[in-house]
Amino acid sequence: MTGALAPTKPLTALDRCDRCGAQAYIRATLPLAGGELLFCAHHGRQHVAALRDKGAEILDESARLSESPATAPNDER
């Protein structure tokens, strides 16, 4: 065992925030416990700094919230 973390898969609509149940956009992987926490963008902003200070690896996909869908008309992009 190398101690390296496995590659993380992208978050999907099935991944839910551990605090409120909304769609998760942030995953915090805890190095010592080997677990992970999922957060919506709101709760992620509240907790990500403290988790990063404790050595958590953070996957933040909250930028997806401001992207236009591929099916949006050109004048809405």
PDB file of N, CA and C in Angstrom:
ATOM      1  N   MET A   1       0.849  -1.193   0.000  1.00  0.00           N
ATOM      2  CA  MET A   1       0.000   0.000   0.000  1.00  0.00           C
ATOM      3  C   MET A   1       0.882   1.240   0.000  1.00  0.00           C
ATOM      4  N   THR A   2       0.601   2.158  -0.916  1.00  0.00           N
ATOM      5  CA  THR A   2       1.442   3.344  -1.065  1.00  0.00           C
ATOM      6  C   THR A   2       0.966   4.519  -0.242  1.00  0.00           C
ATOM      7  N   GLY A   3      -0.268   4.483   0.204  1.00  0.00           N
ATOM      8  CA  GLY A   3      -0.813   5.616   0.940  1.00  0.00           C
ATOM      9  C   GLY A   3      -1.399   6.678   0.036  1.00  0.00           C
ATOM     10  N   ALA A   4      -1.274   6.475  -1.289  1.00  0.00           N
ATOM     11  CA  ALA A   4      -1.841   7.435  -2.234  1.00  0.00           C
ATOM     12  C   ALA A   4      -3.348   7.266  -2.286  1.00  0.00           C
ATOM     13  N   LEU A   5      -4.032   8.373  -2.481  1.00  0.00           N
ATOM     14  CA  LEU A   5      -5.481   8.337  -2.578  1.00  0.00           C
ATOM     15  C   LEU A   5      -5.894   7.863  -3.966  1.00  0.00           C
ATOM     16  N   ALA A   6      -6.954   7.106  -4.023  1.00  0.00           N
ATOM     17  CA  ALA A   6      -7.486   6.670  -5.310  1.00  0.00           C
ATOM     18  C   ALA A   6      -8.065   7.873  -6.041  1.00  0.00           C
ATOM     19  N   PRO A   7      -8.038   7.850  -7.364  1.00  0.00           N
ATOM     20  CA  PRO A   7      -8.634   8.962  -8.112  1.00  0.00           C
ATOM     21  C   PRO A   7     -10.114   9.095  -7.746  1.00  0.00           C
ATOM     22  N   THR A   8     -10.554  10.332  -7.618  1.00  0.00           N
ATOM     23  CA  THR A   8     -11.949  10.555  -7.245  1.00  0.00           C
ATOM     24  C   THR A   8     -12.796  10.655  -8.493  1.00  0.00           C
ATOM     25  N   LYS A   9     -13.979  10.098  -8.426  1.00  0.00           N
ATOM     26  CA  LYS A   9     -14.914  10.180  -9.549  1.00  0.00           C
ATOM     27  C   LYS A   9     -15.694  11.477  -9.441  1.00  0.00           C
ATOM     28  N   PRO A  10     -16.170  11.996 -10.559  1.00  0.00           N
ATOM     29  CA  PRO A  10     -16.953  13.247 -10.521  1.00  0.00           C
ATOM     30  C   PRO A  10     -18.223  13.065  -9.700  1.00  0.00           C
ATOM     31  N   LEU A  11     -18.678  14.143  -9.112  1.00  0.00           N
ATOM     32  CA  LEU A  11     -19.927  14.118  -8.358  1.00  0.00           C
ATOM     33  C   LEU A  11     -21.106  14.110  -9.331  1.00  0.00           C
ATOM     34  N   THR A  12     -22.160  13.411  -8.962  1.00  0.00           N
ATOM     35  CA  THR A  12     -23.355  13.330  -9.799  1.00  0.00           C
ATOM     36  C   THR A  12     -24.556  13.864  -9.023  1.00  0.00           C
ATOM     37  N   ALA A  13     -25.699  13.896  -9.675  1.00  0.00           N
ATOM     38  CA  ALA A  13     -26.930  14.358  -9.024  1.00  0.00           C
ATOM     39  C   ALA A  13     -27.344  13.421  -7.889  1.00  0.00           C
ATOM     40  N   LEU A  14     -26.827  12.210  -7.868  1.00  0.00           N
ATOM     41  CA  LEU A  14     -27.156  11.263  -6.796  1.00  0.00           C
ATOM     42  C   LEU A  14     -26.355  11.524  -5.519  1.00  0.00           C
ATOM     43  N   ASP A  15     -25.246  12.270  -5.627  1.00  0.00           N
ATOM     44  CA  ASP A  15     -24.437  12.611  -4.450  1.00  0.00           C
ATOM     45  C   ASP A  15     -25.122  13.754  -3.709  1.00  0.00           C
ATOM     46  N   ARG A  16     -25.357  13.551  -2.418  1.00  0.00           N
ATOM     47  CA  ARG A  16     -26.127  14.513  -1.629  1.00  0.00           C
ATOM     48  C   ARG A  16     -25.298  15.081  -0.481  1.00  0.00           C
ATOM     49  N   CYS A  17     -25.567  16.322  -0.122  1.00  0.00           N
ATOM     50  CA  CYS A  17     -24.891  17.006   0.978  1.00  0.00           C
ATOM     51  C   CYS A  17     -25.171  16.275   2.294  1.00  0.00           C
ATOM     52  N   ASP A  18     -24.121  16.035   3.068  1.00  0.00           N
ATOM     53  CA  ASP A  18     -24.265  15.369   4.360  1.00  0.00           C
ATOM     54  C   ASP A  18     -24.951  16.251   5.395  1.00  0.00           C
ATOM     55  N   ARG A  19     -25.038  17.542   5.162  1.00  0.00           N
ATOM     56  CA  ARG A  19     -25.680  18.459   6.116  1.00  0.00           C
ATOM     57  C   ARG A  19     -27.166  18.670   5.817  1.00  0.00           C
ATOM     58  N   CYS A  20     -27.512  18.864   4.533  1.00  0.00           N
ATOM     59  CA  CYS A  20     -28.894  19.251   4.234  1.00  0.00           C
ATOM     60  C   CYS A  20     -29.588  18.391   3.188  1.00  0.00           C
ATOM     61  N   GLY A  21     -28.863  17.542   2.495  1.00  0.00           N
ATOM     62  CA  GLY A  21     -29.474  16.673   1.498  1.00  0.00           C
ATOM     63  C   GLY A  21     -29.564  17.259   0.101  1.00  0.00           C
ATOM     64  N   ALA A  22     -29.094  18.493  -0.098  1.00  0.00           N
ATOM     65  CA  ALA A  22     -29.088  19.088  -1.439  1.00  0.00           C
ATOM     66  C   ALA A  22     -28.014  18.404  -2.282  1.00  0.00           C
ATOM     67  N   GLN A  23     -28.007  18.675  -3.584  1.00  0.00           N
ATOM     68  CA  GLN A  23     -26.991  18.082  -4.450  1.00  0.00           C
ATOM     69  C   GLN A  23     -25.602  18.511  -3.990  1.00  0.00           C
ATOM     70  N   ALA A  24     -24.698  17.553  -3.916  1.00  0.00           N
ATOM     71  CA  ALA A  24     -23.332  17.833  -3.470  1.00  0.00           C
ATOM     72  C   ALA A  24     -22.476  18.315  -4.633  1.00  0.00           C
ATOM     73  N   TYR A  25     -21.688  19.327  -4.375  1.00  0.00           N
ATOM     74  CA  TYR A  25     -20.732  19.850  -5.348  1.00  0.00           C
ATOM     75  C   TYR A  25     -19.309  19.836  -4.793  1.00  0.00           C
ATOM     76  N   ILE A  26     -19.151  19.493  -3.531  1.00  0.00           N
ATOM     77  CA  ILE A  26     -17.828  19.483  -2.890  1.00  0.00           C
ATOM     78  C   ILE A  26     -17.650  18.168  -2.147  1.00  0.00           C
ATOM     79  N   ARG A  27     -16.504  17.511  -2.412  1.00  0.00           N
ATOM     80  CA  ARG A  27     -16.155  16.273  -1.708  1.00  0.00           C
ATOM     81  C   ARG A  27     -14.864  16.531  -0.928  1.00  0.00           C
ATOM     82  N   ALA A  28     -14.893  16.224   0.358  1.00  0.00           N
ATOM     83  CA  ALA A  28     -13.702  16.329   1.198  1.00  0.00           C
ATOM     84  C   ALA A  28     -13.300  14.910   1.590  1.00  0.00           C
ATOM     85  N   THR A  29     -12.121  14.488   1.150  1.00  0.00           N
ATOM     86  CA  THR A  29     -11.608  13.163   1.489  1.00  0.00           C
ATOM     87  C   THR A  29     -10.642  13.319   2.650  1.00  0.00           C
ATOM     88  N   LEU A  30     -10.942  12.635   3.734  1.00  0.00           N
ATOM     89  CA  LEU A  30     -10.153  12.753   4.957  1.00  0.00           C
ATOM     90  C   LEU A  30      -9.016  11.734   4.943  1.00  0.00           C
ATOM     91  N   PRO A  31      -7.772  12.197   5.081  1.00  0.00           N
ATOM     92  CA  PRO A  31      -6.623  11.303   4.911  1.00  0.00           C
ATOM     93  C   PRO A  31      -6.482  10.240   6.001  1.00  0.00           C
ATOM     94  N   LEU A  32      -6.661  10.593   7.245  1.00  0.00           N
ATOM     95  CA  LEU A  32      -6.437   9.639   8.326  1.00  0.00           C
ATOM     96  C   LEU A  32      -7.619   8.705   8.522  1.00  0.00           C
ATOM     97  N   ALA A  33      -8.806   9.224   8.440  1.00  0.00           N
ATOM     98  CA  ALA A  33      -9.994   8.406   8.659  1.00  0.00           C
ATOM     99  C   ALA A  33     -10.339   7.585   7.414  1.00  0.00           C
ATOM    100  N   GLY A  34      -9.873   8.039   6.262  1.00  0.00           N
ATOM    101  CA  GLY A  34     -10.158   7.343   5.023  1.00  0.00           C
ATOM    102  C   GLY A  34     -11.579   7.520   4.528  1.00  0.00           C
ATOM    103  N   GLY A  35     -12.335   8.391   5.151  1.00  0.00           N
ATOM    104  CA  GLY A  35     -13.723   8.627   4.740  1.00  0.00           C
ATOM    105  C   GLY A  35     -13.841   9.879   3.909  1.00  0.00           C
ATOM    106  N   GLU A  36     -15.057  10.179   3.549  1.00  0.00           N
ATOM    107  CA  GLU A  36     -15.298  11.392   2.788  1.00  0.00           C
ATOM    108  C   GLU A  36     -16.576  12.053   3.267  1.00  0.00           C
ATOM    109  N   LEU A  37     -16.607  13.359   3.081  1.00  0.00           N
ATOM    110  CA  LEU A  37     -17.779  14.164   3.389  1.00  0.00           C
ATOM    111  C   LEU A  37     -18.212  14.850   2.104  1.00  0.00           C
ATOM    112  N   LEU A  38     -19.519  14.930   1.896  1.00  0.00           N
ATOM    113  CA  LEU A  38     -20.069  15.606   0.729  1.00  0.00           C
ATOM    114  C   LEU A  38     -20.850  16.824   1.186  1.00  0.00           C
ATOM    115  N   PHE A  39     -20.689  17.924   0.447  1.00  0.00           N
ATOM    116  CA  PHE A  39     -21.363  19.164   0.807  1.00  0.00           C
ATOM    117  C   PHE A  39     -21.947  19.841  -0.423  1.00  0.00           C
ATOM    118  N   CYS A  40     -23.073  20.521  -0.227  1.00  0.00           N
ATOM    119  CA  CYS A  40     -23.576  21.435  -1.244  1.00  0.00           C
ATOM    120  C   CYS A  40     -22.606  22.629  -1.266  1.00  0.00           C
ATOM    121  N   ALA A  41     -22.764  23.516  -2.218  1.00  0.00           N
ATOM    122  CA  ALA A  41     -21.864  24.668  -2.306  1.00  0.00           C
ATOM    123  C   ALA A  41     -21.925  25.524  -1.048  1.00  0.00           C
ATOM    124  N   HIS A  42     -23.121  25.734  -0.516  1.00  0.00           N
ATOM    125  CA  HIS A  42     -23.307  26.569   0.670  1.00  0.00           C
ATOM    126  C   HIS A  42     -22.559  25.991   1.874  1.00  0.00           C
ATOM    127  N   HIS A  43     -22.810  24.748   2.204  1.00  0.00           N
ATOM    128  CA  HIS A  43     -22.151  24.146   3.366  1.00  0.00           C
ATOM    129  C   HIS A  43     -20.667  23.891   3.103  1.00  0.00           C
ATOM    130  N   GLY A  44     -20.312  23.657   1.864  1.00  0.00           N
ATOM    131  CA  GLY A  44     -18.897  23.518   1.523  1.00  0.00           C
ATOM    132  C   GLY A  44     -18.117  24.773   1.830  1.00  0.00           C
ATOM    133  N   ARG A  45     -18.683  25.927   1.461  1.00  0.00           N
ATOM    134  CA  ARG A  45     -17.998  27.202   1.759  1.00  0.00           C
ATOM    135  C   ARG A  45     -17.821  27.377   3.259  1.00  0.00           C
ATOM    136  N   GLN A  46     -18.757  26.883   4.045  1.00  0.00           N
ATOM    137  CA  GLN A  46     -18.660  27.008   5.502  1.00  0.00           C
ATOM    138  C   GLN A  46     -17.549  26.140   6.089  1.00  0.00           C
ATOM    139  N   HIS A  47     -17.304  24.971   5.519  1.00  0.00           N
ATOM    140  CA  HIS A  47     -16.428  23.991   6.159  1.00  0.00           C
ATOM    141  C   HIS A  47     -15.119  23.695   5.435  1.00  0.00           C
ATOM    142  N   VAL A  48     -14.981  24.086   4.177  1.00  0.00           N
ATOM    143  CA  VAL A  48     -13.827  23.658   3.392  1.00  0.00           C
ATOM    144  C   VAL A  48     -12.491  24.163   3.961  1.00  0.00           C
ATOM    145  N   ALA A  49     -12.422  25.363   4.473  1.00  0.00           N
ATOM    146  CA  ALA A  49     -11.152  25.889   4.994  1.00  0.00           C
ATOM    147  C   ALA A  49     -10.668  25.065   6.189  1.00  0.00           C
ATOM    148  N   ALA A  50     -11.569  24.754   7.109  1.00  0.00           N
ATOM    149  CA  ALA A  50     -11.187  23.967   8.281  1.00  0.00           C
ATOM    150  C   ALA A  50     -10.788  22.552   7.880  1.00  0.00           C
ATOM    151  N   LEU A  51     -11.488  21.978   6.928  1.00  0.00           N
ATOM    152  CA  LEU A  51     -11.146  20.629   6.472  1.00  0.00           C
ATOM    153  C   LEU A  51      -9.802  20.613   5.763  1.00  0.00           C
ATOM    154  N   ARG A  52      -9.545  21.635   4.948  1.00  0.00           N
ATOM    155  CA  ARG A  52      -8.249  21.718   4.252  1.00  0.00           C
ATOM    156  C   ARG A  52      -7.115  21.864   5.273  1.00  0.00           C
ATOM    157  N   ASP A  53      -7.341  22.646   6.331  1.00  0.00           N
ATOM    158  CA  ASP A  53      -6.333  22.803   7.382  1.00  0.00           C
ATOM    159  C   ASP A  53      -6.017  21.479   8.074  1.00  0.00           C
ATOM    160  N   LYS A  54      -6.985  20.570   8.097  1.00  0.00           N
ATOM    161  CA  LYS A  54      -6.796  19.264   8.724  1.00  0.00           C
ATOM    162  C   LYS A  54      -6.242  18.234   7.739  1.00  0.00           C
ATOM    163  N   GLY A  55      -5.907  18.674   6.525  1.00  0.00           N
ATOM    164  CA  GLY A  55      -5.274  17.795   5.549  1.00  0.00           C
ATOM    165  C   GLY A  55      -6.216  17.107   4.585  1.00  0.00           C
ATOM    166  N   ALA A  56      -7.472  17.503   4.564  1.00  0.00           N
ATOM    167  CA  ALA A  56      -8.430  16.878   3.657  1.00  0.00           C
ATOM    168  C   ALA A  56      -8.138  17.277   2.214  1.00  0.00           C
ATOM    169  N   GLU A  57      -8.333  16.339   1.315  1.00  0.00           N
ATOM    170  CA  GLU A  57      -8.237  16.627  -0.119  1.00  0.00           C
ATOM    171  C   GLU A  57      -9.618  17.098  -0.561  1.00  0.00           C
ATOM    172  N   ILE A  58      -9.681  18.231  -1.230  1.00  0.00           N
ATOM    173  CA  ILE A  58     -10.958  18.844  -1.597  1.00  0.00           C
ATOM    174  C   ILE A  58     -11.170  18.766  -3.106  1.00  0.00           C
ATOM    175  N   LEU A  59     -12.313  18.239  -3.496  1.00  0.00           N
ATOM    176  CA  LEU A  59     -12.756  18.277  -4.887  1.00  0.00           C
ATOM    177  C   LEU A  59     -13.927  19.249  -4.922  1.00  0.00           C
ATOM    178  N   ASP A  60     -13.743  20.388  -5.573  1.00  0.00           N
ATOM    179  CA  ASP A  60     -14.769  21.439  -5.606  1.00  0.00           C
ATOM    180  C   ASP A  60     -15.297  21.580  -7.031  1.00  0.00           C
ATOM    181  N   GLU A  61     -16.516  21.160  -7.248  1.00  0.00           N
ATOM    182  CA  GLU A  61     -17.155  21.277  -8.555  1.00  0.00           C
ATOM    183  C   GLU A  61     -18.254  22.335  -8.551  1.00  0.00           C
ATOM    184  N   SER A  62     -18.210  23.246  -7.587  1.00  0.00           N
ATOM    185  CA  SER A  62     -19.275  24.249  -7.466  1.00  0.00           C
ATOM    186  C   SER A  62     -19.310  25.218  -8.648  1.00  0.00           C
ATOM    187  N   ALA A  63     -18.249  25.298  -9.444  1.00  0.00           N
ATOM    188  CA  ALA A  63     -18.262  26.167 -10.628  1.00  0.00           C
ATOM    189  C   ALA A  63     -19.307  25.698 -11.634  1.00  0.00           C
ATOM    190  N   ARG A  64     -19.707  24.439 -11.550  1.00  0.00           N
ATOM    191  CA  ARG A  64     -20.742  23.925 -12.448  1.00  0.00           C
ATOM    192  C   ARG A  64     -22.061  24.654 -12.272  1.00  0.00           C
ATOM    193  N   LEU A  65     -22.269  25.272 -11.115  1.00  0.00           N
ATOM    194  CA  LEU A  65     -23.517  25.988 -10.862  1.00  0.00           C
ATOM    195  C   LEU A  65     -23.683  27.203 -11.762  1.00  0.00           C
ATOM    196  N   SER A  66     -22.596  27.774 -12.232  1.00  0.00           N
ATOM    197  CA  SER A  66     -22.687  28.983 -13.057  1.00  0.00           C
ATOM    198  C   SER A  66     -22.488  28.689 -14.544  1.00  0.00           C
ATOM    199  N   GLU A  67     -22.353  27.426 -14.919  1.00  0.00           N
ATOM    200  CA  GLU A  67     -22.194  27.068 -16.323  1.00  0.00           C
ATOM    201  C   GLU A  67     -23.550  27.044 -17.017  1.00  0.00           C
ATOM    202  N   SER A  68     -23.552  27.374 -18.294  1.00  0.00           N
ATOM    203  CA  SER A  68     -24.771  27.256 -19.100  1.00  0.00           C
ATOM    204  C   SER A  68     -24.870  25.816 -19.593  1.00  0.00           C
ATOM    205  N   PRO A  69     -26.062  25.249 -19.609  1.00  0.00           N
ATOM    206  CA  PRO A  69     -26.193  23.900 -20.141  1.00  0.00           C
ATOM    207  C   PRO A  69     -25.880  23.872 -21.632  1.00  0.00           C
ATOM    208  N   ALA A  70     -25.388  22.744 -22.109  1.00  0.00           N
ATOM    209  CA  ALA A  70     -25.015  22.614 -23.516  1.00  0.00           C
ATOM    210  C   ALA A  70     -26.221  22.792 -24.436  1.00  0.00           C
ATOM    211  N   THR A  71     -27.411  22.582 -23.911  1.00  0.00           N
ATOM    212  CA  THR A  71     -28.605  22.700 -24.732  1.00  0.00           C
ATOM    213  C   THR A  71     -29.205  24.108 -24.713  1.00  0.00           C
ATOM    214  N   ALA A  72     -28.571  25.045 -24.022  1.00  0.00           N
ATOM    215  CA  ALA A  72     -29.083  26.414 -23.959  1.00  0.00           C
ATOM    216  C   ALA A  72     -28.888  27.093 -25.312  1.00  0.00           C
ATOM    217  N   PRO A  73     -29.860  27.914 -25.726  1.00  0.00           N
ATOM    218  CA  PRO A  73     -29.676  28.669 -26.975  1.00  0.00           C
ATOM    219  C   PRO A  73     -28.459  29.587 -26.857  1.00  0.00           C
ATOM    220  N   ASN A  74     -27.851  29.885 -28.001  1.00  0.00           N
ATOM    221  CA  ASN A  74     -26.624  30.688 -28.013  1.00  0.00           C
ATOM    222  C   ASN A  74     -26.796  32.039 -27.318  1.00  0.00           C
ATOM    223  N   ASP A  75     -27.961  32.659 -27.408  1.00  0.00           N
ATOM    224  CA  ASP A  75     -28.151  33.970 -26.774  1.00  0.00           C
ATOM    225  C   ASP A  75     -28.297  33.870 -25.263  1.00  0.00           C
ATOM    226  N   GLU A  76     -28.386  32.655 -24.703  1.00  0.00           N
ATOM    227  CA  GLU A  76     -28.465  32.473 -23.250  1.00  0.00           C
ATOM    228  C   GLU A  76     -27.147  31.986 -22.645  1.00  0.00           C
ATOM    229  N   ARG A  77     -26.134  31.800 -23.477  1.00  0.00           N
ATOM    230  CA  ARG A  77     -24.842  31.316 -22.974  1.00  0.00           C
ATOM    231  C   ARG A  77     -23.950  32.424 -22.556  1.00  0.00           C
TER     232      ARG A  77
END
